[in-house]
Amino acid sequence: MSDSRIDLIRERLAALGPTELRVEDESHLHAGHAGARGGAGHYRVHITAEAFRGKLPLARHRLVYDLLSDQMPHAIHALAIHASVPAASPLS
């Protein structure tokens, strides 16, 4: 089930056009936690996307949460987000 949730998270976040996207399932670190008892997962997302440029961290997180809101809190109990913009490419 975890892999399908990771696939779903990746699929949804593809809408932001990420240049980098890593999704980690950290559910095993929260065994026994109230939210984990019902089968909901804990995930960490590292995403780099041009869509975040000019946006404060809170606005970046809202973009991610908006795409996953229907999965919370039942499939996704907790989501740690690391959202950044692509580094400027050096001039040749």
N, C-alpha and C. Protein backbone atom coordinates (compact mmCIF):
# COMPACT_ATOMS: atom_id res chain seq x y z
N MET A 1 0.83 -1.20 0.00
CA MET A 1 0.00 0.00 0.00
C MET A 1 0.87 1.25 0.00
N SER A 2 1.97 1.19 0.72
CA SER A 2 2.84 2.36 0.81
C SER A 2 3.36 2.80 -0.55
N ASP A 3 3.77 1.83 -1.38
CA ASP A 3 4.28 2.18 -2.71
C ASP A 3 3.21 2.86 -3.55
N SER A 4 1.97 2.40 -3.43
CA SER A 4 0.90 3.04 -4.21
C SER A 4 0.64 4.45 -3.71
N ARG A 5 0.80 4.68 -2.42
CA ARG A 5 0.63 6.04 -1.90
C ARG A 5 1.76 6.94 -2.38
N ILE A 6 2.96 6.42 -2.40
CA ILE A 6 4.09 7.19 -2.91
C ILE A 6 3.87 7.51 -4.38
N ASP A 7 3.40 6.54 -5.14
CA ASP A 7 3.10 6.77 -6.55
C ASP A 7 2.04 7.86 -6.71
N LEU A 8 1.02 7.82 -5.87
CA LEU A 8 -0.05 8.82 -5.93
C LEU A 8 0.50 10.21 -5.60
N ILE A 9 1.33 10.30 -4.58
CA ILE A 9 1.93 11.59 -4.21
C ILE A 9 2.76 12.12 -5.38
N ARG A 10 3.57 11.27 -5.97
CA ARG A 10 4.39 11.67 -7.12
C ARG A 10 3.51 12.14 -8.28
N GLU A 11 2.46 11.39 -8.54
CA GLU A 11 1.55 11.71 -9.64
C GLU A 11 0.90 13.07 -9.43
N ARG A 12 0.44 13.33 -8.22
CA ARG A 12 -0.21 14.60 -7.92
C ARG A 12 0.77 15.77 -8.01
N LEU A 13 1.97 15.59 -7.46
CA LEU A 13 2.94 16.68 -7.43
C LEU A 13 3.57 16.95 -8.79
N ALA A 14 3.38 16.04 -9.72
CA ALA A 14 3.87 16.26 -11.08
C ALA A 14 3.24 17.51 -11.69
N ALA A 15 2.08 17.90 -11.18
CA ALA A 15 1.40 19.11 -11.67
C ALA A 15 2.24 20.37 -11.45
N LEU A 16 3.19 20.30 -10.51
CA LEU A 16 4.06 21.46 -10.24
C LEU A 16 5.29 21.48 -11.14
N GLY A 17 5.44 20.48 -11.99
CA GLY A 17 6.58 20.42 -12.91
C GLY A 17 7.92 20.34 -12.20
N PRO A 18 8.05 19.43 -11.23
CA PRO A 18 9.30 19.39 -10.47
C PRO A 18 10.51 18.98 -11.31
N THR A 19 11.64 19.60 -11.00
CA THR A 19 12.90 19.18 -11.60
C THR A 19 13.54 18.11 -10.73
N GLU A 20 13.10 18.04 -9.49
CA GLU A 20 13.53 17.00 -8.56
C GLU A 20 12.36 16.69 -7.64
N LEU A 21 12.14 15.40 -7.40
CA LEU A 21 11.07 14.98 -6.50
C LEU A 21 11.47 13.68 -5.83
N ARG A 22 11.53 13.73 -4.52
CA ARG A 22 11.83 12.53 -3.75
C ARG A 22 10.77 12.41 -2.66
N VAL A 23 10.15 11.24 -2.56
CA VAL A 23 9.13 10.99 -1.56
C VAL A 23 9.61 9.82 -0.71
N GLU A 24 9.68 10.05 0.60
CA GLU A 24 10.14 9.02 1.53
C GLU A 24 9.00 8.63 2.46
N ASP A 25 8.82 7.33 2.63
CA ASP A 25 7.83 6.82 3.57
C ASP A 25 8.52 6.67 4.93
N GLU A 26 8.09 7.46 5.88
CA GLU A 26 8.66 7.42 7.23
C GLU A 26 7.70 6.81 8.23
N SER A 27 6.71 6.08 7.73
CA SER A 27 5.68 5.51 8.60
C SER A 27 6.27 4.59 9.66
N HIS A 28 7.30 3.85 9.29
CA HIS A 28 7.90 2.91 10.24
C HIS A 28 8.49 3.63 11.46
N LEU A 29 8.83 4.89 11.32
CA LEU A 29 9.37 5.66 12.43
C LEU A 29 8.30 6.09 13.42
N HIS A 30 7.03 5.91 13.03
CA HIS A 30 5.92 6.39 13.84
C HIS A 30 5.01 5.25 14.27
N ALA A 31 5.52 4.03 14.29
CA ALA A 31 4.73 2.87 14.71
C ALA A 31 4.19 3.12 16.12
N GLY A 32 2.92 2.85 16.31
CA GLY A 32 2.29 3.05 17.61
C GLY A 32 1.71 4.45 17.79
N HIS A 33 2.06 5.36 16.91
CA HIS A 33 1.53 6.72 16.96
C HIS A 33 0.04 6.68 16.61
N ALA A 34 -0.74 7.52 17.24
CA ALA A 34 -2.20 7.50 17.05
C ALA A 34 -2.60 7.56 15.58
N GLY A 35 -1.96 8.40 14.80
CA GLY A 35 -2.32 8.53 13.39
C GLY A 35 -1.94 7.31 12.57
N ALA A 36 -0.92 6.59 13.01
CA ALA A 36 -0.46 5.43 12.27
C ALA A 36 -1.35 4.22 12.51
N ARG A 37 -2.05 4.19 13.62
CA ARG A 37 -2.89 3.03 13.96
C ARG A 37 -3.97 2.77 12.92
N GLY A 38 -4.48 3.79 12.31
CA GLY A 38 -5.54 3.62 11.32
C GLY A 38 -5.01 3.32 9.92
N GLY A 39 -3.71 3.19 9.78
CA GLY A 39 -3.12 2.87 8.48
C GLY A 39 -2.64 4.07 7.69
N ALA A 40 -2.85 5.26 8.23
CA ALA A 40 -2.37 6.45 7.54
C ALA A 40 -0.86 6.52 7.62
N GLY A 41 -0.23 7.10 6.61
CA GLY A 41 1.22 7.13 6.55
C GLY A 41 1.83 8.48 6.88
N HIS A 42 3.11 8.43 7.18
CA HIS A 42 3.93 9.62 7.42
C HIS A 42 4.93 9.71 6.27
N TYR A 43 4.95 10.83 5.59
CA TYR A 43 5.80 10.98 4.41
C TYR A 43 6.62 12.25 4.48
N ARG A 44 7.77 12.21 3.81
CA ARG A 44 8.64 13.37 3.68
C ARG A 44 8.82 13.60 2.18
N VAL A 45 8.56 14.83 1.74
CA VAL A 45 8.66 15.19 0.32
C VAL A 45 9.76 16.23 0.15
N HIS A 46 10.67 15.94 -0.76
CA HIS A 46 11.69 16.90 -1.18
C HIS A 46 11.35 17.24 -2.62
N ILE A 47 10.99 18.48 -2.87
CA ILE A 47 10.56 18.86 -4.21
C ILE A 47 11.21 20.18 -4.61
N THR A 48 11.73 20.19 -5.82
CA THR A 48 12.32 21.39 -6.41
C THR A 48 11.51 21.70 -7.66
N ALA A 49 10.98 22.92 -7.73
CA ALA A 49 10.14 23.27 -8.87
C ALA A 49 10.18 24.78 -9.13
N GLU A 50 10.17 25.13 -10.38
CA GLU A 50 10.14 26.54 -10.78
C GLU A 50 8.85 27.20 -10.28
N ALA A 51 7.80 26.40 -10.11
CA ALA A 51 6.50 26.92 -9.64
C ALA A 51 6.61 27.59 -8.28
N PHE A 52 7.68 27.31 -7.52
CA PHE A 52 7.86 27.89 -6.20
C PHE A 52 8.59 29.23 -6.22
N ARG A 53 9.16 29.57 -7.36
CA ARG A 53 9.97 30.80 -7.43
C ARG A 53 9.12 32.01 -7.05
N GLY A 54 9.68 32.84 -6.19
CA GLY A 54 9.00 34.06 -5.75
C GLY A 54 7.97 33.84 -4.65
N LYS A 55 7.82 32.60 -4.21
CA LYS A 55 6.84 32.29 -3.18
C LYS A 55 7.53 32.02 -1.85
N LEU A 56 6.92 32.51 -0.79
CA LEU A 56 7.43 32.24 0.56
C LEU A 56 7.20 30.76 0.89
N PRO A 57 7.92 30.23 1.86
CA PRO A 57 7.77 28.82 2.23
C PRO A 57 6.32 28.41 2.51
N LEU A 58 5.56 29.23 3.19
CA LEU A 58 4.17 28.89 3.48
C LEU A 58 3.36 28.72 2.19
N ALA A 59 3.56 29.58 1.23
CA ALA A 59 2.85 29.48 -0.05
C ALA A 59 3.28 28.22 -0.82
N ARG A 60 4.55 27.86 -0.73
CA ARG A 60 5.04 26.64 -1.38
C ARG A 60 4.36 25.41 -0.77
N HIS A 61 4.29 25.40 0.55
CA HIS A 61 3.65 24.29 1.25
C HIS A 61 2.17 24.20 0.89
N ARG A 62 1.53 25.34 0.78
CA ARG A 62 0.10 25.33 0.42
C ARG A 62 -0.12 24.73 -0.96
N LEU A 63 0.77 25.01 -1.90
CA LEU A 63 0.64 24.41 -3.23
C LEU A 63 0.69 22.88 -3.13
N VAL A 64 1.60 22.37 -2.32
CA VAL A 64 1.72 20.92 -2.14
C VAL A 64 0.48 20.38 -1.43
N TYR A 65 0.10 20.99 -0.33
CA TYR A 65 -1.07 20.53 0.42
C TYR A 65 -2.34 20.55 -0.44
N ASP A 66 -2.50 21.57 -1.26
CA ASP A 66 -3.69 21.66 -2.11
C ASP A 66 -3.80 20.45 -3.04
N LEU A 67 -2.67 19.99 -3.53
CA LEU A 67 -2.69 18.85 -4.45
C LEU A 67 -2.93 17.52 -3.74
N LEU A 68 -2.73 17.49 -2.45
CA LEU A 68 -2.86 16.24 -1.68
C LEU A 68 -3.97 16.29 -0.63
N SER A 69 -4.73 17.37 -0.60
CA SER A 69 -5.70 17.59 0.48
C SER A 69 -6.72 16.47 0.64
N ASP A 70 -7.12 15.84 -0.45
CA ASP A 70 -8.13 14.78 -0.33
C ASP A 70 -7.55 13.50 0.28
N GLN A 71 -6.24 13.43 0.44
CA GLN A 71 -5.59 12.25 1.03
C GLN A 71 -5.37 12.40 2.53
N MET A 72 -5.60 13.59 3.06
CA MET A 72 -5.36 13.85 4.48
C MET A 72 -6.68 13.95 5.23
N PRO A 73 -6.78 13.38 6.36
CA PRO A 73 -5.78 12.67 7.15
C PRO A 73 -5.86 11.16 7.03
N HIS A 74 -6.65 10.63 6.10
CA HIS A 74 -6.88 9.18 6.08
C HIS A 74 -5.75 8.38 5.47
N ALA A 75 -5.27 8.75 4.31
CA ALA A 75 -4.14 8.03 3.70
C ALA A 75 -2.81 8.64 4.14
N ILE A 76 -2.79 9.94 4.27
CA ILE A 76 -1.58 10.65 4.70
C ILE A 76 -1.89 11.31 6.04
N HIS A 77 -1.22 10.84 7.08
CA HIS A 77 -1.43 11.43 8.41
C HIS A 77 -0.50 12.62 8.62
N ALA A 78 0.73 12.50 8.14
CA ALA A 78 1.71 13.57 8.33
C ALA A 78 2.54 13.73 7.06
N LEU A 79 2.88 14.97 6.76
CA LEU A 79 3.64 15.27 5.56
C LEU A 79 4.67 16.34 5.88
N ALA A 80 5.94 15.98 5.77
CA ALA A 80 7.02 16.94 5.94
C ALA A 80 7.43 17.40 4.54
N ILE A 81 7.47 18.70 4.34
CA ILE A 81 7.73 19.24 3.00
C ILE A 81 9.01 20.06 2.99
N HIS A 82 9.86 19.76 2.03
CA HIS A 82 11.06 20.55 1.76
C HIS A 82 10.91 21.02 0.32
N ALA A 83 10.49 22.25 0.13
CA ALA A 83 10.18 22.79 -1.19
C ALA A 83 11.18 23.89 -1.54
N SER A 84 11.81 23.74 -2.70
CA SER A 84 12.80 24.73 -3.12
C SER A 84 12.67 25.02 -4.61
N VAL A 85 13.38 26.05 -5.03
CA VAL A 85 13.41 26.41 -6.45
C VAL A 85 14.72 25.88 -7.04
N PRO A 86 14.74 25.62 -8.35
CA PRO A 86 15.98 25.18 -8.98
C PRO A 86 17.06 26.26 -8.85
N ALA A 87 18.27 25.82 -8.66
CA ALA A 87 19.40 26.75 -8.60
C ALA A 87 19.56 27.40 -9.97
N ALA A 88 19.95 28.67 -9.96
CA ALA A 88 20.22 29.36 -11.23
C ALA A 88 21.41 28.69 -11.90
N SER A 89 21.28 28.47 -13.19
CA SER A 89 22.41 27.85 -13.89
C SER A 89 23.50 28.89 -14.12
N PRO A 90 24.74 28.47 -13.91
CA PRO A 90 25.85 29.41 -14.12
C PRO A 90 25.98 29.79 -15.60
N LEU A 91 26.34 31.01 -15.83
CA LEU A 91 26.54 31.45 -17.21
C LEU A 91 27.84 30.89 -17.75
N SER A 92 27.82 30.50 -18.99
CA SER A 92 29.02 29.92 -19.61
C SER A 92 29.95 31.00 -20.06
